[in-house]
Amino acid sequence: MDKTSQQFNEVIKMCKDVFLKKMEDYGSAWRILRTPSLTDQIYIKANRIRSIEEKGIKRVNEGIKPEFIGIVNYSVMAMIQLDLGANEEIEMDKDKVVDLYEKYFYAAKSLMEDKNHDYGEAWRNMRVSSLTDIILMKLLRIKQIEDKEGKTFVSEGVDANYNDIINYSVFALIKLNEDQPNEN
């Protein structure tokens, strides 16, 4: 599990780097988005990954790694929005955003470590395409919960599903980096 923890940290660094560069370009404009809008944005990215996996080709010159990074970052944004709520005062202090980003990413990592302990790193034997499908399923669950205004009977909430999406995306990135380290 030490290897997984190290690889997870490498993915956190990669995703955070992209997040911070985009913040330099756009600021915290994403703060205006309601959580269902973030869910839909993640869905678009996951659906594109699945489409590329099924067709075996892409027309837009961006691979699936950047899409998984986007899924991670939008999921962290969604967790922040669940905590703070969407806000029309979109400008947010960069240090505060970074603190919140790390808070939610490391919370997902902690969950991953607990689950990895119990499941014995079963994800390492999974296909990236299966991880994509699970992410899409989690998104459909989130959409159902959002459509029911957050009310569930026995199911985990939206936040648990976002945490799982972060972790499955990190697993996919780890697997892709192992299989194709220089591809985007």
N, C-alpha and C. Protein backbone atom coordinates (compact mmCIF):
# COMPACT_ATOMS: atom_id res chain seq x y z
N MET A 1 0.81 -1.21 0.00
CA MET A 1 0.00 0.00 0.00
C MET A 1 0.85 1.27 0.00
N ASP A 2 2.10 1.17 0.40
CA ASP A 2 2.98 2.34 0.35
C ASP A 2 3.14 2.83 -1.08
N LYS A 3 3.23 1.87 -2.02
CA LYS A 3 3.36 2.23 -3.43
C LYS A 3 2.12 3.01 -3.89
N THR A 4 0.95 2.53 -3.51
CA THR A 4 -0.29 3.21 -3.89
C THR A 4 -0.34 4.61 -3.30
N SER A 5 0.03 4.74 -2.04
CA SER A 5 0.02 6.05 -1.40
C SER A 5 0.96 7.01 -2.12
N GLN A 6 2.13 6.54 -2.48
CA GLN A 6 3.10 7.37 -3.21
C GLN A 6 2.54 7.75 -4.58
N GLN A 7 1.97 6.77 -5.29
CA GLN A 7 1.40 7.05 -6.61
C GLN A 7 0.23 8.03 -6.50
N PHE A 8 -0.59 7.86 -5.47
CA PHE A 8 -1.71 8.75 -5.23
C PHE A 8 -1.20 10.18 -5.05
N ASN A 9 -0.13 10.34 -4.25
CA ASN A 9 0.45 11.66 -4.03
C ASN A 9 0.96 12.28 -5.33
N GLU A 10 1.54 11.46 -6.20
CA GLU A 10 2.01 11.95 -7.50
C GLU A 10 0.83 12.45 -8.35
N VAL A 11 -0.29 11.72 -8.29
CA VAL A 11 -1.47 12.15 -9.04
C VAL A 11 -2.05 13.42 -8.43
N ILE A 12 -2.07 13.51 -7.10
CA ILE A 12 -2.54 14.74 -6.45
C ILE A 12 -1.72 15.93 -6.95
N LYS A 13 -0.41 15.76 -6.99
CA LYS A 13 0.47 16.84 -7.44
C LYS A 13 0.15 17.23 -8.88
N MET A 14 -0.05 16.24 -9.74
CA MET A 14 -0.35 16.49 -11.15
C MET A 14 -1.70 17.23 -11.29
N CYS A 15 -2.72 16.74 -10.59
CA CYS A 15 -4.05 17.35 -10.68
C CYS A 15 -4.05 18.76 -10.09
N LYS A 16 -3.38 18.92 -8.97
CA LYS A 16 -3.31 20.23 -8.32
C LYS A 16 -2.58 21.22 -9.20
N ASP A 17 -1.53 20.78 -9.88
CA ASP A 17 -0.78 21.64 -10.78
C ASP A 17 -1.70 22.18 -11.89
N VAL A 18 -2.49 21.30 -12.49
CA VAL A 18 -3.44 21.72 -13.53
C VAL A 18 -4.47 22.68 -12.94
N PHE A 19 -4.99 22.33 -11.77
CA PHE A 19 -5.99 23.16 -11.09
C PHE A 19 -5.45 24.58 -10.87
N LEU A 20 -4.23 24.67 -10.35
CA LEU A 20 -3.64 25.98 -10.05
C LEU A 20 -3.36 26.79 -11.32
N LYS A 21 -2.93 26.12 -12.38
CA LYS A 21 -2.70 26.82 -13.64
C LYS A 21 -4.02 27.36 -14.20
N LYS A 22 -5.07 26.58 -14.07
CA LYS A 22 -6.38 27.04 -14.55
C LYS A 22 -6.88 28.19 -13.67
N MET A 23 -6.57 28.13 -12.37
CA MET A 23 -6.95 29.26 -11.50
C MET A 23 -6.23 30.53 -11.92
N GLU A 24 -4.98 30.39 -12.38
CA GLU A 24 -4.25 31.57 -12.86
C GLU A 24 -4.95 32.16 -14.08
N ASP A 25 -5.48 31.28 -14.95
CA ASP A 25 -6.17 31.74 -16.16
C ASP A 25 -7.57 32.28 -15.87
N TYR A 26 -8.33 31.57 -15.01
CA TYR A 26 -9.77 31.86 -14.86
C TYR A 26 -10.18 32.33 -13.48
N GLY A 27 -9.24 32.33 -12.52
CA GLY A 27 -9.64 32.65 -11.16
C GLY A 27 -10.55 31.56 -10.62
N SER A 28 -11.47 31.95 -9.77
CA SER A 28 -12.40 30.96 -9.21
C SER A 28 -13.80 31.12 -9.81
N ALA A 29 -13.83 31.32 -11.13
CA ALA A 29 -15.10 31.49 -11.84
C ALA A 29 -16.04 30.30 -11.63
N TRP A 30 -15.48 29.13 -11.37
CA TRP A 30 -16.29 27.93 -11.13
C TRP A 30 -17.19 28.06 -9.90
N ARG A 31 -16.91 29.02 -9.03
CA ARG A 31 -17.72 29.20 -7.82
C ARG A 31 -19.17 29.55 -8.14
N ILE A 32 -19.43 30.02 -9.35
CA ILE A 32 -20.79 30.37 -9.72
C ILE A 32 -21.63 29.12 -10.04
N LEU A 33 -20.96 27.99 -10.30
CA LEU A 33 -21.66 26.77 -10.69
C LEU A 33 -22.37 26.10 -9.52
N ARG A 34 -23.59 25.70 -9.77
CA ARG A 34 -24.29 24.88 -8.79
C ARG A 34 -23.78 23.45 -8.93
N THR A 35 -23.93 22.68 -7.88
CA THR A 35 -23.39 21.32 -7.88
C THR A 35 -23.90 20.48 -9.05
N PRO A 36 -25.20 20.53 -9.39
CA PRO A 36 -25.65 19.74 -10.55
C PRO A 36 -24.93 20.12 -11.85
N SER A 37 -24.53 21.38 -12.00
CA SER A 37 -23.77 21.77 -13.19
C SER A 37 -22.40 21.12 -13.20
N LEU A 38 -21.78 21.03 -12.04
CA LEU A 38 -20.49 20.34 -11.93
C LEU A 38 -20.67 18.86 -12.23
N THR A 39 -21.73 18.27 -11.73
CA THR A 39 -22.03 16.86 -12.01
C THR A 39 -22.14 16.64 -13.51
N ASP A 40 -22.84 17.53 -14.19
CA ASP A 40 -22.99 17.39 -15.64
C ASP A 40 -21.66 17.57 -16.37
N GLN A 41 -20.82 18.48 -15.90
CA GLN A 41 -19.51 18.67 -16.52
C GLN A 41 -18.66 17.40 -16.36
N ILE A 42 -18.70 16.80 -15.19
CA ILE A 42 -17.97 15.55 -14.96
C ILE A 42 -18.53 14.45 -15.86
N TYR A 43 -19.84 14.41 -15.99
CA TYR A 43 -20.49 13.41 -16.85
C TYR A 43 -19.99 13.53 -18.29
N ILE A 44 -19.91 14.76 -18.79
CA ILE A 44 -19.43 14.99 -20.16
C ILE A 44 -18.02 14.40 -20.32
N LYS A 45 -17.16 14.66 -19.37
CA LYS A 45 -15.77 14.17 -19.44
C LYS A 45 -15.73 12.64 -19.38
N ALA A 46 -16.48 12.05 -18.45
CA ALA A 46 -16.50 10.58 -18.33
C ALA A 46 -17.09 9.95 -19.58
N ASN A 47 -18.11 10.56 -20.13
CA ASN A 47 -18.73 10.03 -21.34
C ASN A 47 -17.77 10.11 -22.52
N ARG A 48 -16.97 11.16 -22.60
CA ARG A 48 -15.96 11.26 -23.66
C ARG A 48 -14.92 10.15 -23.52
N ILE A 49 -14.50 9.90 -22.30
CA ILE A 49 -13.54 8.82 -22.08
C ILE A 49 -14.11 7.50 -22.58
N ARG A 50 -15.35 7.24 -22.20
CA ARG A 50 -15.98 5.98 -22.62
C ARG A 50 -16.10 5.90 -24.14
N SER A 51 -16.44 7.01 -24.76
CA SER A 51 -16.56 7.06 -26.21
C SER A 51 -15.21 6.74 -26.87
N ILE A 52 -14.13 7.33 -26.36
CA ILE A 52 -12.80 7.05 -26.91
C ILE A 52 -12.42 5.59 -26.68
N GLU A 53 -12.73 5.07 -25.49
CA GLU A 53 -12.43 3.66 -25.19
C GLU A 53 -13.16 2.74 -26.17
N GLU A 54 -14.41 3.05 -26.47
CA GLU A 54 -15.20 2.18 -27.34
C GLU A 54 -14.81 2.32 -28.81
N LYS A 55 -14.55 3.55 -29.26
CA LYS A 55 -14.23 3.78 -30.66
C LYS A 55 -12.76 3.52 -30.97
N GLY A 56 -11.92 3.68 -29.96
CA GLY A 56 -10.49 3.47 -30.17
C GLY A 56 -9.79 4.63 -30.86
N ILE A 57 -10.53 5.67 -31.19
CA ILE A 57 -9.94 6.85 -31.82
C ILE A 57 -10.56 8.10 -31.21
N LYS A 58 -9.86 9.21 -31.39
CA LYS A 58 -10.38 10.49 -30.93
C LYS A 58 -10.14 11.53 -32.02
N ARG A 59 -11.02 12.49 -32.12
CA ARG A 59 -10.86 13.55 -33.11
C ARG A 59 -10.29 14.82 -32.49
N VAL A 60 -10.53 15.01 -31.20
CA VAL A 60 -9.96 16.15 -30.49
C VAL A 60 -8.62 15.71 -29.95
N ASN A 61 -7.59 16.52 -30.17
CA ASN A 61 -6.24 16.11 -29.82
C ASN A 61 -5.97 16.27 -28.32
N GLU A 62 -6.72 15.58 -27.53
CA GLU A 62 -6.50 15.52 -26.09
C GLU A 62 -6.89 14.11 -25.65
N GLY A 63 -5.98 13.46 -24.97
CA GLY A 63 -6.20 12.07 -24.56
C GLY A 63 -7.10 11.95 -23.35
N ILE A 64 -7.18 10.74 -22.82
CA ILE A 64 -8.07 10.51 -21.69
C ILE A 64 -7.45 10.89 -20.35
N LYS A 65 -6.13 10.96 -20.28
CA LYS A 65 -5.51 11.41 -19.01
C LYS A 65 -5.99 12.80 -18.60
N PRO A 66 -5.96 13.79 -19.52
CA PRO A 66 -6.47 15.11 -19.13
C PRO A 66 -7.95 15.09 -18.73
N GLU A 67 -8.71 14.18 -19.31
CA GLU A 67 -10.13 14.08 -18.94
C GLU A 67 -10.27 13.54 -17.51
N PHE A 68 -9.47 12.54 -17.16
CA PHE A 68 -9.50 12.03 -15.78
C PHE A 68 -9.04 13.11 -14.79
N ILE A 69 -8.03 13.88 -15.18
CA ILE A 69 -7.59 14.99 -14.33
C ILE A 69 -8.73 15.98 -14.15
N GLY A 70 -9.43 16.28 -15.23
CA GLY A 70 -10.60 17.16 -15.16
C GLY A 70 -11.68 16.61 -14.25
N ILE A 71 -11.92 15.31 -14.32
CA ILE A 71 -12.92 14.68 -13.45
C ILE A 71 -12.52 14.85 -11.99
N VAL A 72 -11.25 14.61 -11.69
CA VAL A 72 -10.77 14.79 -10.32
C VAL A 72 -11.01 16.23 -9.88
N ASN A 73 -10.56 17.18 -10.69
CA ASN A 73 -10.63 18.58 -10.29
C ASN A 73 -12.07 19.08 -10.18
N TYR A 74 -12.92 18.70 -11.09
CA TYR A 74 -14.33 19.09 -10.98
C TYR A 74 -14.99 18.43 -9.78
N SER A 75 -14.58 17.21 -9.45
CA SER A 75 -15.14 16.55 -8.26
C SER A 75 -14.72 17.26 -6.99
N VAL A 76 -13.47 17.71 -6.93
CA VAL A 76 -13.02 18.48 -5.77
C VAL A 76 -13.79 19.80 -5.71
N MET A 77 -13.98 20.45 -6.85
CA MET A 77 -14.78 21.69 -6.88
C MET A 77 -16.19 21.42 -6.36
N ALA A 78 -16.75 20.30 -6.77
CA ALA A 78 -18.10 19.96 -6.31
C ALA A 78 -18.14 19.78 -4.79
N MET A 79 -17.11 19.15 -4.25
CA MET A 79 -17.05 18.98 -2.79
C MET A 79 -16.96 20.34 -2.10
N ILE A 80 -16.19 21.25 -2.67
CA ILE A 80 -16.10 22.60 -2.12
C ILE A 80 -17.45 23.30 -2.19
N GLN A 81 -18.13 23.15 -3.33
CA GLN A 81 -19.44 23.78 -3.49
C GLN A 81 -20.46 23.19 -2.52
N LEU A 82 -20.38 21.88 -2.28
CA LEU A 82 -21.29 21.28 -1.30
C LEU A 82 -21.07 21.88 0.08
N ASP A 83 -19.81 22.17 0.38
CA ASP A 83 -19.46 22.74 1.68
C ASP A 83 -19.86 24.21 1.76
N LEU A 84 -19.50 25.00 0.75
CA LEU A 84 -19.69 26.45 0.81
C LEU A 84 -20.95 26.93 0.13
N GLY A 85 -21.47 26.14 -0.81
CA GLY A 85 -22.60 26.57 -1.62
C GLY A 85 -22.12 27.39 -2.81
N ALA A 86 -22.90 27.37 -3.88
CA ALA A 86 -22.57 28.19 -5.04
C ALA A 86 -22.68 29.64 -4.62
N ASN A 87 -21.85 30.48 -5.20
CA ASN A 87 -21.83 31.86 -4.77
C ASN A 87 -21.56 32.76 -5.96
N GLU A 88 -22.34 33.80 -6.05
CA GLU A 88 -22.13 34.75 -7.14
C GLU A 88 -20.92 35.63 -6.89
N GLU A 89 -20.43 35.66 -5.66
CA GLU A 89 -19.15 36.32 -5.38
C GLU A 89 -18.07 35.30 -5.71
N ILE A 90 -17.69 35.31 -6.97
CA ILE A 90 -16.86 34.21 -7.46
C ILE A 90 -15.39 34.30 -7.07
N GLU A 91 -14.90 35.50 -6.85
CA GLU A 91 -13.49 35.62 -6.51
C GLU A 91 -13.25 35.14 -5.09
N MET A 92 -12.34 34.19 -4.99
CA MET A 92 -12.02 33.59 -3.71
C MET A 92 -10.51 33.62 -3.55
N ASP A 93 -10.07 33.88 -2.35
CA ASP A 93 -8.65 33.92 -2.06
C ASP A 93 -7.98 32.61 -2.48
N LYS A 94 -6.89 32.74 -3.24
CA LYS A 94 -6.20 31.56 -3.77
C LYS A 94 -5.76 30.61 -2.66
N ASP A 95 -5.22 31.14 -1.57
CA ASP A 95 -4.77 30.29 -0.47
C ASP A 95 -5.93 29.51 0.15
N LYS A 96 -7.08 30.16 0.26
CA LYS A 96 -8.26 29.47 0.81
C LYS A 96 -8.70 28.34 -0.13
N VAL A 97 -8.69 28.63 -1.44
CA VAL A 97 -9.07 27.61 -2.42
C VAL A 97 -8.11 26.43 -2.34
N VAL A 98 -6.81 26.70 -2.26
CA VAL A 98 -5.81 25.63 -2.18
C VAL A 98 -6.02 24.81 -0.91
N ASP A 99 -6.29 25.47 0.21
CA ASP A 99 -6.54 24.75 1.46
C ASP A 99 -7.75 23.82 1.33
N LEU A 100 -8.83 24.34 0.73
CA LEU A 100 -10.03 23.52 0.54
C LEU A 100 -9.76 22.38 -0.45
N TYR A 101 -9.04 22.68 -1.51
CA TYR A 101 -8.70 21.66 -2.51
C TYR A 101 -7.97 20.50 -1.82
N GLU A 102 -6.95 20.84 -1.06
CA GLU A 102 -6.17 19.81 -0.37
C GLU A 102 -7.00 19.08 0.67
N LYS A 103 -7.84 19.78 1.39
CA LYS A 103 -8.72 19.16 2.39
C LYS A 103 -9.54 18.04 1.77
N TYR A 104 -10.18 18.33 0.64
CA TYR A 104 -11.06 17.33 0.04
C TYR A 104 -10.29 16.24 -0.69
N PHE A 105 -9.17 16.59 -1.30
CA PHE A 105 -8.37 15.57 -1.98
C PHE A 105 -7.79 14.59 -0.96
N TYR A 106 -7.28 15.12 0.15
CA TYR A 106 -6.70 14.24 1.17
C TYR A 106 -7.77 13.46 1.93
N ALA A 107 -8.97 13.99 2.02
CA ALA A 107 -10.08 13.22 2.61
C ALA A 107 -10.40 12.03 1.72
N ALA A 108 -10.38 12.24 0.40
CA ALA A 108 -10.62 11.14 -0.53
C ALA A 108 -9.49 10.12 -0.42
N LYS A 109 -8.26 10.60 -0.26
CA LYS A 109 -7.13 9.68 -0.11
C LYS A 109 -7.27 8.84 1.16
N SER A 110 -7.69 9.45 2.24
CA SER A 110 -7.88 8.72 3.49
C SER A 110 -8.94 7.63 3.32
N LEU A 111 -10.02 7.96 2.64
CA LEU A 111 -11.05 6.97 2.34
C LEU A 111 -10.48 5.84 1.49
N MET A 112 -9.68 6.21 0.50
CA MET A 112 -9.05 5.21 -0.37
C MET A 112 -8.19 4.26 0.44
N GLU A 113 -7.42 4.79 1.38
CA GLU A 113 -6.54 3.93 2.19
C GLU A 113 -7.35 2.96 3.04
N ASP A 114 -8.46 3.42 3.59
CA ASP A 114 -9.33 2.53 4.37
C ASP A 114 -9.94 1.44 3.50
N LYS A 115 -10.43 1.83 2.34
CA LYS A 115 -11.04 0.85 1.44
C LYS A 115 -10.00 -0.11 0.87
N ASN A 116 -8.82 0.43 0.53
CA ASN A 116 -7.75 -0.43 0.01
C ASN A 116 -7.37 -1.49 1.04
N HIS A 117 -7.37 -1.11 2.29
CA HIS A 117 -7.06 -2.07 3.35
C HIS A 117 -8.07 -3.21 3.33
N ASP A 118 -9.34 -2.86 3.23
CA ASP A 118 -10.40 -3.87 3.27
C ASP A 118 -10.52 -4.67 1.98
N TYR A 119 -10.31 -4.01 0.84
CA TYR A 119 -10.48 -4.66 -0.46
C TYR A 119 -9.19 -5.23 -1.04
N GLY A 120 -8.07 -4.98 -0.38
CA GLY A 120 -6.81 -5.55 -0.85
C GLY A 120 -6.36 -5.05 -2.21
N GLU A 121 -6.59 -3.78 -2.49
CA GLU A 121 -6.17 -3.17 -3.76
C GLU A 121 -6.71 -3.91 -4.98
N ALA A 122 -7.96 -4.34 -4.89
CA ALA A 122 -8.59 -5.04 -6.01
C ALA A 122 -8.60 -4.19 -7.29
N TRP A 123 -8.58 -2.88 -7.15
CA TRP A 123 -8.62 -1.99 -8.31
C TRP A 123 -7.45 -2.23 -9.25
N ARG A 124 -6.34 -2.74 -8.73
CA ARG A 124 -5.16 -2.98 -9.58
C ARG A 124 -5.43 -4.06 -10.63
N ASN A 125 -6.43 -4.90 -10.39
CA ASN A 125 -6.79 -5.95 -11.33
C ASN A 125 -7.95 -5.55 -12.24
N MET A 126 -8.37 -4.31 -12.13
CA MET A 126 -9.48 -3.82 -12.95
C MET A 126 -8.95 -3.17 -14.22
N ARG A 127 -9.81 -3.12 -15.21
CA ARG A 127 -9.50 -2.41 -16.45
C ARG A 127 -9.86 -0.94 -16.27
N VAL A 128 -9.16 -0.07 -16.97
CA VAL A 128 -9.48 1.35 -16.94
C VAL A 128 -10.92 1.56 -17.42
N SER A 129 -11.34 0.78 -18.41
CA SER A 129 -12.71 0.92 -18.92
C SER A 129 -13.75 0.60 -17.84
N SER A 130 -13.43 -0.32 -16.95
CA SER A 130 -14.35 -0.62 -15.85
C SER A 130 -14.40 0.54 -14.86
N LEU A 131 -13.25 1.15 -14.62
CA LEU A 131 -13.22 2.32 -13.75
C LEU A 131 -14.07 3.44 -14.34
N THR A 132 -13.97 3.61 -15.66
CA THR A 132 -14.79 4.61 -16.36
C THR A 132 -16.28 4.31 -16.16
N ASP A 133 -16.67 3.06 -16.33
CA ASP A 133 -18.08 2.68 -16.17
C ASP A 133 -18.56 2.94 -14.74
N ILE A 134 -17.73 2.64 -13.76
CA ILE A 134 -18.12 2.86 -12.37
C ILE A 134 -18.29 4.36 -12.10
N ILE A 135 -17.40 5.17 -12.67
CA ILE A 135 -17.53 6.62 -12.53
C ILE A 135 -18.85 7.09 -13.13
N LEU A 136 -19.19 6.58 -14.31
CA LEU A 136 -20.46 6.96 -14.93
C LEU A 136 -21.65 6.52 -14.07
N MET A 137 -21.57 5.32 -13.49
CA MET A 137 -22.64 4.86 -12.61
C MET A 137 -22.77 5.78 -11.40
N LYS A 138 -21.64 6.15 -10.80
CA LYS A 138 -21.66 7.05 -9.64
C LYS A 138 -22.29 8.39 -10.02
N LEU A 139 -21.99 8.88 -11.22
CA LEU A 139 -22.57 10.13 -11.69
C LEU A 139 -24.09 10.02 -11.85
N LEU A 140 -24.53 8.90 -12.39
CA LEU A 140 -25.98 8.70 -12.52
C LEU A 140 -26.65 8.63 -11.15
N ARG A 141 -25.96 8.03 -10.18
CA ARG A 141 -26.48 8.02 -8.80
C ARG A 141 -26.58 9.44 -8.26
N ILE A 142 -25.52 10.22 -8.47
CA ILE A 142 -25.53 11.61 -7.99
C ILE A 142 -26.69 12.37 -8.62
N LYS A 143 -26.89 12.19 -9.93
CA LYS A 143 -27.98 12.89 -10.61
C LYS A 143 -29.33 12.51 -10.00
N GLN A 144 -29.51 11.22 -9.69
CA GLN A 144 -30.76 10.78 -9.06
C GLN A 144 -30.95 11.46 -7.71
N ILE A 145 -29.89 11.49 -6.92
CA ILE A 145 -29.97 12.11 -5.59
C ILE A 145 -30.23 13.61 -5.73
N GLU A 146 -29.56 14.26 -6.68
CA GLU A 146 -29.79 15.69 -6.90
C GLU A 146 -31.23 15.94 -7.32
N ASP A 147 -31.75 15.09 -8.20
CA ASP A 147 -33.13 15.25 -8.66
C ASP A 147 -34.13 15.04 -7.53
N LYS A 148 -33.74 14.30 -6.51
CA LYS A 148 -34.60 14.08 -5.33
C LYS A 148 -34.25 15.04 -4.20
N GLU A 149 -33.54 16.12 -4.56
CA GLU A 149 -33.15 17.17 -3.62
C GLU A 149 -32.37 16.62 -2.42
N GLY A 150 -31.53 15.62 -2.69
CA GLY A 150 -30.64 15.09 -1.67
C GLY A 150 -31.24 14.05 -0.75
N LYS A 151 -32.49 13.72 -0.96
CA LYS A 151 -33.16 12.76 -0.06
C LYS A 151 -32.87 11.32 -0.52
N THR A 152 -32.36 10.52 0.40
CA THR A 152 -32.14 9.10 0.13
C THR A 152 -32.71 8.30 1.30
N PHE A 153 -32.98 7.02 1.05
CA PHE A 153 -33.49 6.16 2.11
C PHE A 153 -32.35 5.42 2.81
N VAL A 154 -31.53 4.74 2.03
CA VAL A 154 -30.44 3.96 2.62
C VAL A 154 -29.09 4.24 1.95
N SER A 155 -29.10 5.01 0.91
CA SER A 155 -27.89 5.23 0.12
C SER A 155 -27.00 6.30 0.72
N GLU A 156 -25.72 6.21 0.34
CA GLU A 156 -24.78 7.27 0.71
C GLU A 156 -25.17 8.53 -0.01
N GLY A 157 -24.70 9.65 0.47
CA GLY A 157 -25.02 10.92 -0.13
C GLY A 157 -24.16 11.25 -1.32
N VAL A 158 -24.39 12.44 -1.85
CA VAL A 158 -23.66 12.93 -3.01
C VAL A 158 -22.16 13.01 -2.71
N ASP A 159 -21.80 13.45 -1.52
CA ASP A 159 -20.38 13.62 -1.19
C ASP A 159 -19.63 12.29 -1.24
N ALA A 160 -20.23 11.22 -0.77
CA ALA A 160 -19.58 9.90 -0.81
C ALA A 160 -19.34 9.46 -2.25
N ASN A 161 -20.28 9.76 -3.12
CA ASN A 161 -20.12 9.41 -4.53
C ASN A 161 -19.02 10.23 -5.19
N TYR A 162 -18.93 11.53 -4.86
CA TYR A 162 -17.83 12.35 -5.39
C TYR A 162 -16.48 11.82 -4.90
N ASN A 163 -16.41 11.44 -3.62
CA ASN A 163 -15.15 10.86 -3.11
C ASN A 163 -14.77 9.61 -3.90
N ASP A 164 -15.73 8.76 -4.17
CA ASP A 164 -15.46 7.55 -4.95
C ASP A 164 -15.00 7.91 -6.36
N ILE A 165 -15.63 8.92 -6.95
CA ILE A 165 -15.24 9.34 -8.30
C ILE A 165 -13.80 9.84 -8.30
N ILE A 166 -13.44 10.61 -7.30
CA ILE A 166 -12.04 11.06 -7.19
C ILE A 166 -11.12 9.86 -7.15
N ASN A 167 -11.43 8.91 -6.27
CA ASN A 167 -10.55 7.76 -6.10
C ASN A 167 -10.48 6.88 -7.34
N TYR A 168 -11.60 6.61 -7.98
CA TYR A 168 -11.57 5.79 -9.19
C TYR A 168 -10.81 6.51 -10.31
N SER A 169 -10.93 7.83 -10.37
CA SER A 169 -10.17 8.59 -11.38
C SER A 169 -8.67 8.54 -11.09
N VAL A 170 -8.30 8.64 -9.82
CA VAL A 170 -6.89 8.54 -9.45
C VAL A 170 -6.37 7.15 -9.82
N PHE A 171 -7.15 6.11 -9.53
CA PHE A 171 -6.73 4.75 -9.89
C PHE A 171 -6.51 4.64 -11.40
N ALA A 172 -7.42 5.22 -12.18
CA ALA A 172 -7.28 5.18 -13.64
C ALA A 172 -6.00 5.90 -14.06
N LEU A 173 -5.72 7.04 -13.46
CA LEU A 173 -4.51 7.78 -13.80
C LEU A 173 -3.26 7.00 -13.41
N ILE A 174 -3.30 6.34 -12.27
CA ILE A 174 -2.16 5.51 -11.87
C ILE A 174 -1.93 4.41 -12.89
N LYS A 175 -3.01 3.72 -13.27
CA LYS A 175 -2.89 2.64 -14.24
C LYS A 175 -2.41 3.15 -15.59
N LEU A 176 -2.94 4.27 -16.03
CA LEU A 176 -2.52 4.85 -17.31
C LEU A 176 -1.06 5.28 -17.26
N ASN A 177 -0.64 5.85 -16.16
CA ASN A 177 0.77 6.26 -16.03
C ASN A 177 1.70 5.06 -16.02
N GLU A 178 1.25 3.95 -15.47
CA GLU A 178 2.05 2.73 -15.48
C GLU A 178 2.13 2.13 -16.88
N ASP A 179 1.00 2.16 -17.59
CA ASP A 179 0.92 1.54 -18.91
C ASP A 179 1.47 2.43 -20.02
N GLN A 180 1.20 3.74 -19.93
CA GLN A 180 1.59 4.69 -20.98
C GLN A 180 2.11 5.96 -20.33
N PRO A 181 3.30 5.94 -19.74
CA PRO A 181 3.78 7.07 -18.96
C PRO A 181 3.92 8.39 -19.73
N ASN A 182 4.15 8.35 -21.02
CA ASN A 182 4.40 9.59 -21.76
C ASN A 182 3.23 10.04 -22.62
N GLU A 183 2.12 9.32 -22.58
CA GLU A 183 0.96 9.70 -23.38
C GLU A 183 0.09 10.65 -22.60
N ASN A 184 -0.63 11.53 -23.32
CA ASN A 184 -1.56 12.41 -22.60
C ASN A 184 -2.95 11.87 -22.67
